Amino acid sequence: MRFYLMLTFGLLSFGCSHNSAPPQQSNSAEIKETTVDPKPAVASPSEQEAAHLIQWATCHRKNELRRLEIYLKEKGCGLRYYKFGRVDEIASARAGAYFCKEKLRMVRKNLESAGFICEQ
């Protein structure tokens, strides 16, 4: 029994000791300040994107801004909706642009009924 007590005590005393030093933090670490340039809530399309736009509408109410864009997509179209700096594709069609134009008209009508003023 005495042997086991000495063995346990010896393992505990050696098992808990270590020679590794705690990780050192480098004093030469660079702290980079980043500044965020204020971006408009709705970015203007680039020249290349503008060449593929069929129709668009910009709607505003007080400080809120929304934008709808119909763009060419293979043989069909897509409808992008910009809201609070986010962009979502809310409609698309495989052939033609009629479907996208109707969806743009419906969304624009909903925005205007909510007090937005829309311009094309």
PDB file of N, CA and C in Angstrom:
ATOM      1  N   MET A   1       0.820  -1.176   0.000  1.00  0.00           N
ATOM      2  CA  MET A   1       0.000   0.000   0.000  1.00  0.00           C
ATOM      3  C   MET A   1       0.870   1.248   0.000  1.00  0.00           C
ATOM      4  N   ARG A   2       1.921   1.165   0.794  1.00  0.00           N
ATOM      5  CA  ARG A   2       2.843   2.289   0.867  1.00  0.00           C
ATOM      6  C   ARG A   2       3.471   2.557  -0.498  1.00  0.00           C
ATOM      7  N   PHE A   3       3.743   1.500  -1.223  1.00  0.00           N
ATOM      8  CA  PHE A   3       4.325   1.613  -2.562  1.00  0.00           C
ATOM      9  C   PHE A   3       3.400   2.400  -3.485  1.00  0.00           C
ATOM     10  N   TYR A   4       2.117   2.109  -3.434  1.00  0.00           N
ATOM     11  CA  TYR A   4       1.151   2.780  -4.300  1.00  0.00           C
ATOM     12  C   TYR A   4       0.992   4.254  -3.934  1.00  0.00           C
ATOM     13  N   LEU A   5       1.032   4.570  -2.674  1.00  0.00           N
ATOM     14  CA  LEU A   5       0.960   5.964  -2.255  1.00  0.00           C
ATOM     15  C   LEU A   5       2.166   6.746  -2.738  1.00  0.00           C
ATOM     16  N   MET A   6       3.331   6.170  -2.641  1.00  0.00           N
ATOM     17  CA  MET A   6       4.549   6.843  -3.099  1.00  0.00           C
ATOM     18  C   MET A   6       4.535   6.990  -4.619  1.00  0.00           C
ATOM     19  N   LEU A   7       4.061   5.960  -5.305  1.00  0.00           N
ATOM     20  CA  LEU A   7       3.973   6.017  -6.772  1.00  0.00           C
ATOM     21  C   LEU A   7       2.999   7.109  -7.197  1.00  0.00           C
ATOM     22  N   THR A   8       1.848   7.188  -6.572  1.00  0.00           N
ATOM     23  CA  THR A   8       0.842   8.204  -6.896  1.00  0.00           C
ATOM     24  C   THR A   8       1.399   9.593  -6.615  1.00  0.00           C
ATOM     25  N   PHE A   9       2.029   9.778  -5.459  1.00  0.00           N
ATOM     26  CA  PHE A   9       2.611  11.063  -5.105  1.00  0.00           C
ATOM     27  C   PHE A   9       3.696  11.460  -6.098  1.00  0.00           C
ATOM     28  N   GLY A  10       4.523  10.500  -6.484  1.00  0.00           N
ATOM     29  CA  GLY A  10       5.595  10.772  -7.443  1.00  0.00           C
ATOM     30  C   GLY A  10       5.053  11.158  -8.805  1.00  0.00           C
ATOM     31  N   LEU A  11       4.005  10.459  -9.271  1.00  0.00           N
ATOM     32  CA  LEU A  11       3.403  10.789 -10.568  1.00  0.00           C
ATOM     33  C   LEU A  11       2.743  12.159 -10.544  1.00  0.00           C
ATOM     34  N   LEU A  12       2.087  12.456  -9.456  1.00  0.00           N
ATOM     35  CA  LEU A  12       1.434  13.762  -9.359  1.00  0.00           C
ATOM     36  C   LEU A  12       2.448  14.897  -9.349  1.00  0.00           C
ATOM     37  N   SER A  13       3.538  14.705  -8.642  1.00  0.00           N
ATOM     38  CA  SER A  13       4.523  15.779  -8.575  1.00  0.00           C
ATOM     39  C   SER A  13       5.266  15.952  -9.899  1.00  0.00           C
ATOM     40  N   PHE A  14       5.532  14.863 -10.626  1.00  0.00           N
ATOM     41  CA  PHE A  14       6.215  14.979 -11.918  1.00  0.00           C
ATOM     42  C   PHE A  14       5.242  15.311 -13.044  1.00  0.00           C
ATOM     43  N   GLY A  15       4.036  14.818 -12.929  1.00  0.00           N
ATOM     44  CA  GLY A  15       3.042  15.030 -13.989  1.00  0.00           C
ATOM     45  C   GLY A  15       2.589  16.468 -14.074  1.00  0.00           C
ATOM     46  N   CYS A  16       2.625  17.187 -12.984  1.00  0.00           N
ATOM     47  CA  CYS A  16       2.135  18.559 -12.976  1.00  0.00           C
ATOM     48  C   CYS A  16       3.207  19.574 -13.307  1.00  0.00           C
ATOM     49  N   SER A  17       4.449  19.180 -13.261  1.00  0.00           N
ATOM     50  CA  SER A  17       5.499  20.153 -13.566  1.00  0.00           C
ATOM     51  C   SER A  17       5.792  20.138 -15.055  1.00  0.00           C
ATOM     52  N   HIS A  18       6.071  21.278 -15.581  1.00  0.00           N
ATOM     53  CA  HIS A  18       6.423  21.383 -17.000  1.00  0.00           C
ATOM     54  C   HIS A  18       7.396  22.522 -17.177  1.00  0.00           C
ATOM     55  N   ASN A  19       8.165  22.444 -18.232  1.00  0.00           N
ATOM     56  CA  ASN A  19       9.193  23.441 -18.475  1.00  0.00           C
ATOM     57  C   ASN A  19       8.830  24.421 -19.585  1.00  0.00           C
ATOM     58  N   SER A  20       7.701  24.194 -20.237  1.00  0.00           N
ATOM     59  CA  SER A  20       7.369  25.068 -21.356  1.00  0.00           C
ATOM     60  C   SER A  20       6.907  26.428 -20.840  1.00  0.00           C
ATOM     61  N   ALA A  21       7.403  27.447 -21.484  1.00  0.00           N
ATOM     62  CA  ALA A  21       7.063  28.812 -21.100  1.00  0.00           C
ATOM     63  C   ALA A  21       5.740  29.187 -21.767  1.00  0.00           C
ATOM     64  N   PRO A  22       5.012  30.081 -21.171  1.00  0.00           N
ATOM     65  CA  PRO A  22       3.761  30.512 -21.810  1.00  0.00           C
ATOM     66  C   PRO A  22       4.077  31.212 -23.135  1.00  0.00           C
ATOM     67  N   PRO A  23       3.176  31.152 -24.080  1.00  0.00           N
ATOM     68  CA  PRO A  23       3.432  31.784 -25.375  1.00  0.00           C
ATOM     69  C   PRO A  23       3.657  33.281 -25.206  1.00  0.00           C
ATOM     70  N   GLN A  24       4.677  33.767 -25.876  1.00  0.00           N
ATOM     71  CA  GLN A  24       5.013  35.179 -25.781  1.00  0.00           C
ATOM     72  C   GLN A  24       4.305  35.943 -26.886  1.00  0.00           C
ATOM     73  N   GLN A  25       3.855  37.103 -26.528  1.00  0.00           N
ATOM     74  CA  GLN A  25       3.226  37.950 -27.528  1.00  0.00           C
ATOM     75  C   GLN A  25       4.288  38.844 -28.125  1.00  0.00           C
ATOM     76  N   SER A  26       4.230  38.952 -29.415  1.00  0.00           N
ATOM     77  CA  SER A  26       5.213  39.772 -30.114  1.00  0.00           C
ATOM     78  C   SER A  26       4.892  41.239 -29.917  1.00  0.00           C
ATOM     79  N   ASN A  27       5.891  42.004 -29.567  1.00  0.00           N
ATOM     80  CA  ASN A  27       5.705  43.440 -29.417  1.00  0.00           C
ATOM     81  C   ASN A  27       5.674  44.140 -30.764  1.00  0.00           C
ATOM     82  N   SER A  28       6.091  43.418 -31.798  1.00  0.00           N
ATOM     83  CA  SER A  28       6.146  44.050 -33.108  1.00  0.00           C
ATOM     84  C   SER A  28       4.864  43.827 -33.902  1.00  0.00           C
ATOM     85  N   ALA A  29       3.819  43.394 -33.235  1.00  0.00           N
ATOM     86  CA  ALA A  29       2.551  43.175 -33.934  1.00  0.00           C
ATOM     87  C   ALA A  29       2.021  44.503 -34.438  1.00  0.00           C
ATOM     88  N   GLU A  30       1.593  44.497 -35.673  1.00  0.00           N
ATOM     89  CA  GLU A  30       1.064  45.711 -36.262  1.00  0.00           C
ATOM     90  C   GLU A  30      -0.436  45.773 -36.044  1.00  0.00           C
ATOM     91  N   ILE A  31      -0.893  46.918 -35.665  1.00  0.00           N
ATOM     92  CA  ILE A  31      -2.320  47.139 -35.542  1.00  0.00           C
ATOM     93  C   ILE A  31      -2.716  48.043 -36.693  1.00  0.00           C
ATOM     94  N   LYS A  32      -3.561  47.503 -37.549  1.00  0.00           N
ATOM     95  CA  LYS A  32      -3.973  48.272 -38.724  1.00  0.00           C
ATOM     96  C   LYS A  32      -5.330  48.895 -38.461  1.00  0.00           C
ATOM     97  N   GLU A  33      -5.405  50.163 -38.698  1.00  0.00           N
ATOM     98  CA  GLU A  33      -6.682  50.838 -38.581  1.00  0.00           C
ATOM     99  C   GLU A  33      -7.375  50.765 -39.923  1.00  0.00           C
ATOM    100  N   THR A  34      -8.624  50.420 -39.868  1.00  0.00           N
ATOM    101  CA  THR A  34      -9.393  50.366 -41.101  1.00  0.00           C
ATOM    102  C   THR A  34     -10.478  51.415 -41.031  1.00  0.00           C
ATOM    103  N   THR A  35     -10.630  52.094 -42.109  1.00  0.00           N
ATOM    104  CA  THR A  35     -11.695  53.063 -42.201  1.00  0.00           C
ATOM    105  C   THR A  35     -12.681  52.560 -43.236  1.00  0.00           C
ATOM    106  N   VAL A  36     -13.918  52.744 -42.931  1.00  0.00           N
ATOM    107  CA  VAL A  36     -14.966  52.302 -43.842  1.00  0.00           C
ATOM    108  C   VAL A  36     -15.482  53.518 -44.576  1.00  0.00           C
ATOM    109  N   ASP A  37     -15.346  53.472 -45.885  1.00  0.00           N
ATOM    110  CA  ASP A  37     -15.868  54.563 -46.685  1.00  0.00           C
ATOM    111  C   ASP A  37     -17.381  54.422 -46.752  1.00  0.00           C
ATOM    112  N   PRO A  38     -18.082  55.487 -46.509  1.00  0.00           N
ATOM    113  CA  PRO A  38     -19.532  55.383 -46.614  1.00  0.00           C
ATOM    114  C   PRO A  38     -19.920  55.080 -48.056  1.00  0.00           C
ATOM    115  N   LYS A  39     -20.670  54.006 -48.229  1.00  0.00           N
ATOM    116  CA  LYS A  39     -21.108  53.624 -49.565  1.00  0.00           C
ATOM    117  C   LYS A  39     -22.572  53.987 -49.712  1.00  0.00           C
ATOM    118  N   PRO A  40     -22.979  54.299 -50.907  1.00  0.00           N
ATOM    119  CA  PRO A  40     -24.396  54.580 -51.086  1.00  0.00           C
ATOM    120  C   PRO A  40     -25.204  53.315 -50.831  1.00  0.00           C
ATOM    121  N   ALA A  41     -26.440  53.491 -50.401  1.00  0.00           N
ATOM    122  CA  ALA A  41     -27.295  52.342 -50.106  1.00  0.00           C
ATOM    123  C   ALA A  41     -27.504  51.488 -51.352  1.00  0.00           C
ATOM    124  N   VAL A  42     -27.499  52.128 -52.508  1.00  0.00           N
ATOM    125  CA  VAL A  42     -27.658  51.403 -53.765  1.00  0.00           C
ATOM    126  C   VAL A  42     -26.535  51.836 -54.691  1.00  0.00           C
ATOM    127  N   ALA A  43     -25.703  50.896 -55.063  1.00  0.00           N
ATOM    128  CA  ALA A  43     -24.580  51.211 -55.939  1.00  0.00           C
ATOM    129  C   ALA A  43     -25.062  51.381 -57.369  1.00  0.00           C
ATOM    130  N   SER A  44     -24.451  52.287 -58.073  1.00  0.00           N
ATOM    131  CA  SER A  44     -24.781  52.461 -59.481  1.00  0.00           C
ATOM    132  C   SER A  44     -24.164  51.317 -60.272  1.00  0.00           C
ATOM    133  N   PRO A  45     -24.845  50.855 -61.310  1.00  0.00           N
ATOM    134  CA  PRO A  45     -24.283  49.752 -62.089  1.00  0.00           C
ATOM    135  C   PRO A  45     -23.052  50.198 -62.863  1.00  0.00           C
ATOM    136  N   SER A  46     -22.123  49.275 -63.049  1.00  0.00           N
ATOM    137  CA  SER A  46     -20.943  49.583 -63.841  1.00  0.00           C
ATOM    138  C   SER A  46     -21.363  49.726 -65.301  1.00  0.00           C
ATOM    139  N   GLU A  47     -20.436  50.190 -66.144  1.00  0.00           N
ATOM    140  CA  GLU A  47     -20.757  50.365 -67.570  1.00  0.00           C
ATOM    141  C   GLU A  47     -21.143  49.033 -68.206  1.00  0.00           C
ATOM    142  N   GLN A  48     -20.422  47.979 -67.833  1.00  0.00           N
ATOM    143  CA  GLN A  48     -20.710  46.663 -68.406  1.00  0.00           C
ATOM    144  C   GLN A  48     -22.092  46.178 -67.967  1.00  0.00           C
ATOM    145  N   GLU A  49     -22.417  46.365 -66.675  1.00  0.00           N
ATOM    146  CA  GLU A  49     -23.737  45.959 -66.200  1.00  0.00           C
ATOM    147  C   GLU A  49     -24.826  46.803 -66.843  1.00  0.00           C
ATOM    148  N   ALA A  50     -24.572  48.106 -66.997  1.00  0.00           N
ATOM    149  CA  ALA A  50     -25.572  48.998 -67.575  1.00  0.00           C
ATOM    150  C   ALA A  50     -25.904  48.600 -69.006  1.00  0.00           C
ATOM    151  N   ALA A  51     -24.944  48.035 -69.710  1.00  0.00           N
ATOM    152  CA  ALA A  51     -25.188  47.613 -71.085  1.00  0.00           C
ATOM    153  C   ALA A  51     -26.179  46.452 -71.134  1.00  0.00           C
ATOM    154  N   HIS A  52     -26.290  45.689 -70.032  1.00  0.00           N
ATOM    155  CA  HIS A  52     -27.205  44.550 -69.997  1.00  0.00           C
ATOM    156  C   HIS A  52     -28.528  44.865 -69.305  1.00  0.00           C
ATOM    157  N   LEU A  53     -28.678  46.091 -68.791  1.00  0.00           N
ATOM    158  CA  LEU A  53     -29.925  46.461 -68.136  1.00  0.00           C
ATOM    159  C   LEU A  53     -30.986  46.780 -69.178  1.00  0.00           C
ATOM    160  N   ILE A  54     -32.171  46.249 -68.967  1.00  0.00           N
ATOM    161  CA  ILE A  54     -33.288  46.512 -69.873  1.00  0.00           C
ATOM    162  C   ILE A  54     -34.132  47.650 -69.321  1.00  0.00           C
ATOM    163  N   GLN A  55     -34.425  47.564 -68.019  1.00  0.00           N
ATOM    164  CA  GLN A  55     -35.308  48.538 -67.388  1.00  0.00           C
ATOM    165  C   GLN A  55     -34.945  48.628 -65.920  1.00  0.00           C
ATOM    166  N   TRP A  56     -35.166  49.769 -65.300  1.00  0.00           N
ATOM    167  CA  TRP A  56     -34.900  49.919 -63.881  1.00  0.00           C
ATOM    168  C   TRP A  56     -35.807  50.983 -63.310  1.00  0.00           C
ATOM    169  N   ALA A  57     -35.924  50.975 -62.004  1.00  0.00           N
ATOM    170  CA  ALA A  57     -36.692  51.981 -61.283  1.00  0.00           C
ATOM    171  C   ALA A  57     -35.986  52.231 -59.956  1.00  0.00           C
ATOM    172  N   THR A  58     -35.952  53.490 -59.547  1.00  0.00           N
ATOM    173  CA  THR A  58     -35.392  53.878 -58.260  1.00  0.00           C
ATOM    174  C   THR A  58     -36.518  54.488 -57.445  1.00  0.00           C
ATOM    175  N   CYS A  59     -36.703  53.982 -56.232  1.00  0.00           N
ATOM    176  CA  CYS A  59     -37.788  54.451 -55.376  1.00  0.00           C
ATOM    177  C   CYS A  59     -37.200  54.955 -54.062  1.00  0.00           C
ATOM    178  N   HIS A  60     -37.743  56.065 -53.555  1.00  0.00           N
ATOM    179  CA  HIS A  60     -37.234  56.609 -52.297  1.00  0.00           C
ATOM    180  C   HIS A  60     -38.380  57.099 -51.429  1.00  0.00           C
ATOM    181  N   ARG A  61     -38.146  57.009 -50.120  1.00  0.00           N
ATOM    182  CA  ARG A  61     -39.083  57.509 -49.114  1.00  0.00           C
ATOM    183  C   ARG A  61     -38.239  57.959 -47.930  1.00  0.00           C
ATOM    184  N   LYS A  62     -38.295  59.224 -47.623  1.00  0.00           N
ATOM    185  CA  LYS A  62     -37.466  59.803 -46.561  1.00  0.00           C
ATOM    186  C   LYS A  62     -36.011  59.404 -46.788  1.00  0.00           C
ATOM    187  N   ASN A  63     -35.398  58.638 -45.884  1.00  0.00           N
ATOM    188  CA  ASN A  63     -33.996  58.231 -46.023  1.00  0.00           C
ATOM    189  C   ASN A  63     -33.847  56.838 -46.602  1.00  0.00           C
ATOM    190  N   GLU A  64     -34.932  56.227 -47.025  1.00  0.00           N
ATOM    191  CA  GLU A  64     -34.874  54.873 -47.579  1.00  0.00           C
ATOM    192  C   GLU A  64     -34.775  54.928 -49.100  1.00  0.00           C
ATOM    193  N   LEU A  65     -34.007  53.998 -49.651  1.00  0.00           N
ATOM    194  CA  LEU A  65     -33.820  53.936 -51.085  1.00  0.00           C
ATOM    195  C   LEU A  65     -33.934  52.490 -51.536  1.00  0.00           C
ATOM    196  N   ARG A  66     -34.705  52.270 -52.584  1.00  0.00           N
ATOM    197  CA  ARG A  66     -34.857  50.939 -53.172  1.00  0.00           C
ATOM    198  C   ARG A  66     -34.605  51.065 -54.668  1.00  0.00           C
ATOM    199  N   ARG A  67     -34.089  50.000 -55.247  1.00  0.00           N
ATOM    200  CA  ARG A  67     -33.830  50.012 -56.689  1.00  0.00           C
ATOM    201  C   ARG A  67     -34.194  48.661 -57.265  1.00  0.00           C
ATOM    202  N   LEU A  68     -34.826  48.681 -58.408  1.00  0.00           N
ATOM    203  CA  LEU A  68     -35.198  47.484 -59.150  1.00  0.00           C
ATOM    204  C   LEU A  68     -34.495  47.530 -60.495  1.00  0.00           C
ATOM    205  N   GLU A  69     -33.905  46.418 -60.919  1.00  0.00           N
ATOM    206  CA  GLU A  69     -33.202  46.363 -62.203  1.00  0.00           C
ATOM    207  C   GLU A  69     -33.554  45.071 -62.932  1.00  0.00           C
ATOM    208  N   ILE A  70     -33.956  45.219 -64.175  1.00  0.00           N
ATOM    209  CA  ILE A  70     -34.142  44.058 -65.042  1.00  0.00           C
ATOM    210  C   ILE A  70     -32.914  43.990 -65.939  1.00  0.00           C
ATOM    211  N   TYR A  71     -32.294  42.836 -65.987  1.00  0.00           N
ATOM    212  CA  TYR A  71     -31.084  42.671 -66.780  1.00  0.00           C
ATOM    213  C   TYR A  71     -31.200  41.422 -67.649  1.00  0.00           C
ATOM    214  N   LEU A  72     -30.427  41.428 -68.756  1.00  0.00           N
ATOM    215  CA  LEU A  72     -30.403  40.272 -69.646  1.00  0.00           C
ATOM    216  C   LEU A  72     -29.676  39.121 -68.981  1.00  0.00           C
ATOM    217  N   LYS A  73     -30.228  37.927 -69.149  1.00  0.00           N
ATOM    218  CA  LYS A  73     -29.660  36.730 -68.538  1.00  0.00           C
ATOM    219  C   LYS A  73     -29.843  35.598 -69.541  1.00  0.00           C
ATOM    220  N   GLU A  74     -28.759  35.272 -70.240  1.00  0.00           N
ATOM    221  CA  GLU A  74     -28.804  34.288 -71.327  1.00  0.00           C
ATOM    222  C   GLU A  74     -29.916  34.674 -72.301  1.00  0.00           C
ATOM    223  N   LYS A  75     -30.941  33.857 -72.464  1.00  0.00           N
ATOM    224  CA  LYS A  75     -32.044  34.199 -73.379  1.00  0.00           C
ATOM    225  C   LYS A  75     -33.201  34.860 -72.642  1.00  0.00           C
ATOM    226  N   GLY A  76     -33.086  34.940 -71.335  1.00  0.00           N
ATOM    227  CA  GLY A  76     -34.172  35.481 -70.526  1.00  0.00           C
ATOM    228  C   GLY A  76     -33.769  36.741 -69.791  1.00  0.00           C
ATOM    229  N   CYS A  77     -34.251  36.850 -68.555  1.00  0.00           N
ATOM    230  CA  CYS A  77     -34.016  38.057 -67.772  1.00  0.00           C
ATOM    231  C   CYS A  77     -33.923  37.711 -66.289  1.00  0.00           C
ATOM    232  N   GLY A  78     -33.484  38.687 -65.518  1.00  0.00           N
ATOM    233  CA  GLY A  78     -33.463  38.593 -64.063  1.00  0.00           C
ATOM    234  C   GLY A  78     -33.884  39.931 -63.496  1.00  0.00           C
ATOM    235  N   LEU A  79     -34.483  39.908 -62.319  1.00  0.00           N
ATOM    236  CA  LEU A  79     -34.915  41.127 -61.656  1.00  0.00           C
ATOM    237  C   LEU A  79     -34.214  41.215 -60.313  1.00  0.00           C
ATOM    238  N   ARG A  80     -33.366  42.240 -60.150  1.00  0.00           N
ATOM    239  CA  ARG A  80     -32.643  42.454 -58.897  1.00  0.00           C
ATOM    240  C   ARG A  80     -33.358  43.524 -58.084  1.00  0.00           C
ATOM    241  N   TYR A  81     -33.370  43.315 -56.762  1.00  0.00           N
ATOM    242  CA  TYR A  81     -34.005  44.256 -55.837  1.00  0.00           C
ATOM    243  C   TYR A  81     -32.973  44.675 -54.803  1.00  0.00           C
ATOM    244  N   TYR A  82     -32.650  45.950 -54.760  1.00  0.00           N
ATOM    245  CA  TYR A  82     -31.685  46.512 -53.821  1.00  0.00           C
ATOM    246  C   TYR A  82     -32.460  47.127 -52.652  1.00  0.00           C
ATOM    247  N   LYS A  83     -32.120  46.689 -51.435  1.00  0.00           N
ATOM    248  CA  LYS A  83     -32.804  47.183 -50.244  1.00  0.00           C
ATOM    249  C   LYS A  83     -31.822  47.154 -49.079  1.00  0.00           C
ATOM    250  N   PHE A  84     -31.620  48.281 -48.427  1.00  0.00           N
ATOM    251  CA  PHE A  84     -30.713  48.405 -47.283  1.00  0.00           C
ATOM    252  C   PHE A  84     -29.311  47.892 -47.613  1.00  0.00           C
ATOM    253  N   GLY A  85     -28.820  48.151 -48.808  1.00  0.00           N
ATOM    254  CA  GLY A  85     -27.479  47.738 -49.205  1.00  0.00           C
ATOM    255  C   GLY A  85     -27.368  46.284 -49.627  1.00  0.00           C
ATOM    256  N   ARG A  86     -28.440  45.529 -49.546  1.00  0.00           N
ATOM    257  CA  ARG A  86     -28.434  44.125 -49.974  1.00  0.00           C
ATOM    258  C   ARG A  86     -29.036  44.021 -51.362  1.00  0.00           C
ATOM    259  N   VAL A  87     -28.622  43.003 -52.090  1.00  0.00           N
ATOM    260  CA  VAL A  87     -29.148  42.760 -53.430  1.00  0.00           C
ATOM    261  C   VAL A  87     -29.706  41.346 -53.461  1.00  0.00           C
ATOM    262  N   ASP A  88     -30.937  41.225 -53.932  1.00  0.00           N
ATOM    263  CA  ASP A  88     -31.564  39.916 -54.093  1.00  0.00           C
ATOM    264  C   ASP A  88     -32.132  39.817 -55.498  1.00  0.00           C
ATOM    265  N   GLU A  89     -32.019  38.641 -56.083  1.00  0.00           N
ATOM    266  CA  GLU A  89     -32.705  38.400 -57.351  1.00  0.00           C
ATOM    267  C   GLU A  89     -34.084  37.879 -56.985  1.00  0.00           C
ATOM    268  N   ILE A  90     -35.121  38.657 -57.298  1.00  0.00           N
ATOM    269  CA  ILE A  90     -36.466  38.298 -56.860  1.00  0.00           C
ATOM    270  C   ILE A  90     -37.306  37.654 -57.955  1.00  0.00           C
ATOM    271  N   ALA A  91     -36.813  37.682 -59.195  1.00  0.00           N
ATOM    272  CA  ALA A  91     -37.529  37.027 -60.289  1.00  0.00           C
ATOM    273  C   ALA A  91     -36.558  36.758 -61.429  1.00  0.00           C
ATOM    274  N   SER A  92     -36.880  35.749 -62.216  1.00  0.00           N
ATOM    275  CA  SER A  92     -36.095  35.472 -63.423  1.00  0.00           C
ATOM    276  C   SER A  92     -36.954  34.679 -64.389  1.00  0.00           C
ATOM    277  N   ALA A  93     -36.566  34.733 -65.634  1.00  0.00           N
ATOM    278  CA  ALA A  93     -37.269  33.992 -66.686  1.00  0.00           C
ATOM    279  C   ALA A  93     -36.236  33.399 -67.636  1.00  0.00           C
ATOM    280  N   ARG A  94     -36.549  32.249 -68.192  1.00  0.00           N
ATOM    281  CA  ARG A  94     -35.630  31.581 -69.121  1.00  0.00           C
ATOM    282  C   ARG A  94     -35.713  32.139 -70.533  1.00  0.00           C
ATOM    283  N   ALA A  95     -36.876  32.677 -70.896  1.00  0.00           N
ATOM    284  CA  ALA A  95     -37.046  33.205 -72.253  1.00  0.00           C
ATOM    285  C   ALA A  95     -37.824  34.515 -72.185  1.00  0.00           C
ATOM    286  N   GLY A  96     -37.277  35.536 -72.788  1.00  0.00           N
ATOM    287  CA  GLY A  96     -37.945  36.827 -72.846  1.00  0.00           C
ATOM    288  C   GLY A  96     -37.853  37.604 -71.548  1.00  0.00           C
ATOM    289  N   ALA A  97     -38.405  38.826 -71.574  1.00  0.00           N
ATOM    290  CA  ALA A  97     -38.333  39.713 -70.425  1.00  0.00           C
ATOM    291  C   ALA A  97     -39.711  40.098 -69.892  1.00  0.00           C
ATOM    292  N   TYR A  98     -40.760  39.575 -70.479  1.00  0.00           N
ATOM    293  CA  TYR A  98     -42.121  39.960 -70.076  1.00  0.00           C
ATOM    294  C   TYR A  98     -42.363  39.682 -68.592  1.00  0.00           C
ATOM    295  N   PHE A  99     -41.996  38.496 -68.116  1.00  0.00           N
ATOM    296  CA  PHE A  99     -42.224  38.108 -66.726  1.00  0.00           C
ATOM    297  C   PHE A  99     -41.526  39.076 -65.773  1.00  0.00           C
ATOM    298  N   CYS A 100     -40.291  39.408 -66.058  1.00  0.00           N
ATOM    299  CA  CYS A 100     -39.525  40.323 -65.200  1.00  0.00           C
ATOM    300  C   CYS A 100     -40.145  41.717 -65.196  1.00  0.00           C
ATOM    301  N   LYS A 101     -40.620  42.163 -66.352  1.00  0.00           N
ATOM    302  CA  LYS A 101     -41.247  43.483 -66.437  1.00  0.00           C
ATOM    303  C   LYS A 101     -42.527  43.532 -65.614  1.00  0.00           C
ATOM    304  N   GLU A 102     -43.306  42.467 -65.635  1.00  0.00           N
ATOM    305  CA  GLU A 102     -44.532  42.407 -64.838  1.00  0.00           C
ATOM    306  C   GLU A 102     -44.216  42.407 -63.347  1.00  0.00           C
ATOM    307  N   LYS A 103     -43.197  41.671 -62.941  1.00  0.00           N
ATOM    308  CA  LYS A 103     -42.805  41.640 -61.530  1.00  0.00           C
ATOM    309  C   LYS A 103     -42.304  43.008 -61.086  1.00  0.00           C
ATOM    310  N   LEU A 104     -41.527  43.684 -61.920  1.00  0.00           N
ATOM    311  CA  LEU A 104     -41.055  45.027 -61.595  1.00  0.00           C
ATOM    312  C   LEU A 104     -42.250  45.948 -61.404  1.00  0.00           C
ATOM    313  N   ARG A 105     -43.227  45.859 -62.291  1.00  0.00           N
ATOM    314  CA  ARG A 105     -44.424  46.702 -62.195  1.00  0.00           C
ATOM    315  C   ARG A 105     -45.169  46.436 -60.886  1.00  0.00           C
ATOM    316  N   MET A 106     -45.290  45.162 -60.499  1.00  0.00           N
ATOM    317  CA  MET A 106     -45.993  44.806 -59.264  1.00  0.00           C
ATOM    318  C   MET A 106     -45.254  45.319 -58.024  1.00  0.00           C
ATOM    319  N   VAL A 107     -43.941  45.128 -57.980  1.00  0.00           N
ATOM    320  CA  VAL A 107     -43.152  45.577 -56.823  1.00  0.00           C
ATOM    321  C   VAL A 107     -43.182  47.096 -56.745  1.00  0.00           C
ATOM    322  N   ARG A 108     -43.059  47.746 -57.881  1.00  0.00           N
ATOM    323  CA  ARG A 108     -43.098  49.213 -57.904  1.00  0.00           C
ATOM    324  C   ARG A 108     -44.449  49.710 -57.381  1.00  0.00           C
ATOM    325  N   LYS A 109     -45.513  49.061 -57.782  1.00  0.00           N
ATOM    326  CA  LYS A 109     -46.850  49.440 -57.320  1.00  0.00           C
ATOM    327  C   LYS A 109     -46.955  49.269 -55.801  1.00  0.00           C
ATOM    328  N   ASN A 110     -46.408  48.174 -55.268  1.00  0.00           N
ATOM    329  CA  ASN A 110     -46.418  47.955 -53.818  1.00  0.00           C
ATOM    330  C   ASN A 110     -45.607  49.025 -53.084  1.00  0.00           C
ATOM    331  N   LEU A 111     -44.448  49.378 -53.639  1.00  0.00           N
ATOM    332  CA  LEU A 111     -43.625  50.413 -53.011  1.00  0.00           C
ATOM    333  C   LEU A 111     -44.338  51.765 -53.019  1.00  0.00           C
ATOM    334  N   GLU A 112     -44.962  52.098 -54.126  1.00  0.00           N
ATOM    335  CA  GLU A 112     -45.672  53.372 -54.216  1.00  0.00           C
ATOM    336  C   GLU A 112     -46.866  53.409 -53.257  1.00  0.00           C
ATOM    337  N   SER A 113     -47.537  52.277 -53.079  1.00  0.00           N
ATOM    338  CA  SER A 113     -48.649  52.248 -52.128  1.00  0.00           C
ATOM    339  C   SER A 113     -48.156  52.362 -50.682  1.00  0.00           C
ATOM    340  N   ALA A 114     -46.880  52.067 -50.453  1.00  0.00           N
ATOM    341  CA  ALA A 114     -46.284  52.217 -49.117  1.00  0.00           C
ATOM    342  C   ALA A 114     -45.671  53.598 -48.922  1.00  0.00           C
ATOM    343  N   GLY A 115     -45.857  54.495 -49.883  1.00  0.00           N
ATOM    344  CA  GLY A 115     -45.391  55.865 -49.726  1.00  0.00           C
ATOM    345  C   GLY A 115     -44.073  56.182 -50.438  1.00  0.00           C
ATOM    346  N   PHE A 116     -43.518  55.248 -51.196  1.00  0.00           N
ATOM    347  CA  PHE A 116     -42.297  55.506 -51.951  1.00  0.00           C
ATOM    348  C   PHE A 116     -42.626  56.284 -53.208  1.00  0.00           C
ATOM    349  N   ILE A 117     -41.688  57.100 -53.636  1.00  0.00           N
ATOM    350  CA  ILE A 117     -41.798  57.812 -54.914  1.00  0.00           C
ATOM    351  C   ILE A 117     -40.812  57.144 -55.856  1.00  0.00           C
ATOM    352  N   CYS A 118     -41.320  56.611 -56.971  1.00  0.00           N
ATOM    353  CA  CYS A 118     -40.480  55.845 -57.904  1.00  0.00           C
ATOM    354  C   CYS A 118     -40.275  56.613 -59.193  1.00  0.00           C
ATOM    355  N   GLU A 119     -39.061  56.486 -59.724  1.00  0.00           N
ATOM    356  CA  GLU A 119     -38.688  57.121 -60.994  1.00  0.00           C
ATOM    357  C   GLU A 119     -37.961  56.087 -61.847  1.00  0.00           C
ATOM    358  N   GLN A 120     -38.110  56.243 -63.154  1.00  0.00           N
ATOM    359  CA  GLN A 120     -37.374  55.350 -64.064  1.00  0.00           C
ATOM    360  C   GLN A 120     -36.305  56.109 -64.767  1.00  0.00           C
TER     361      GLN A 120
END
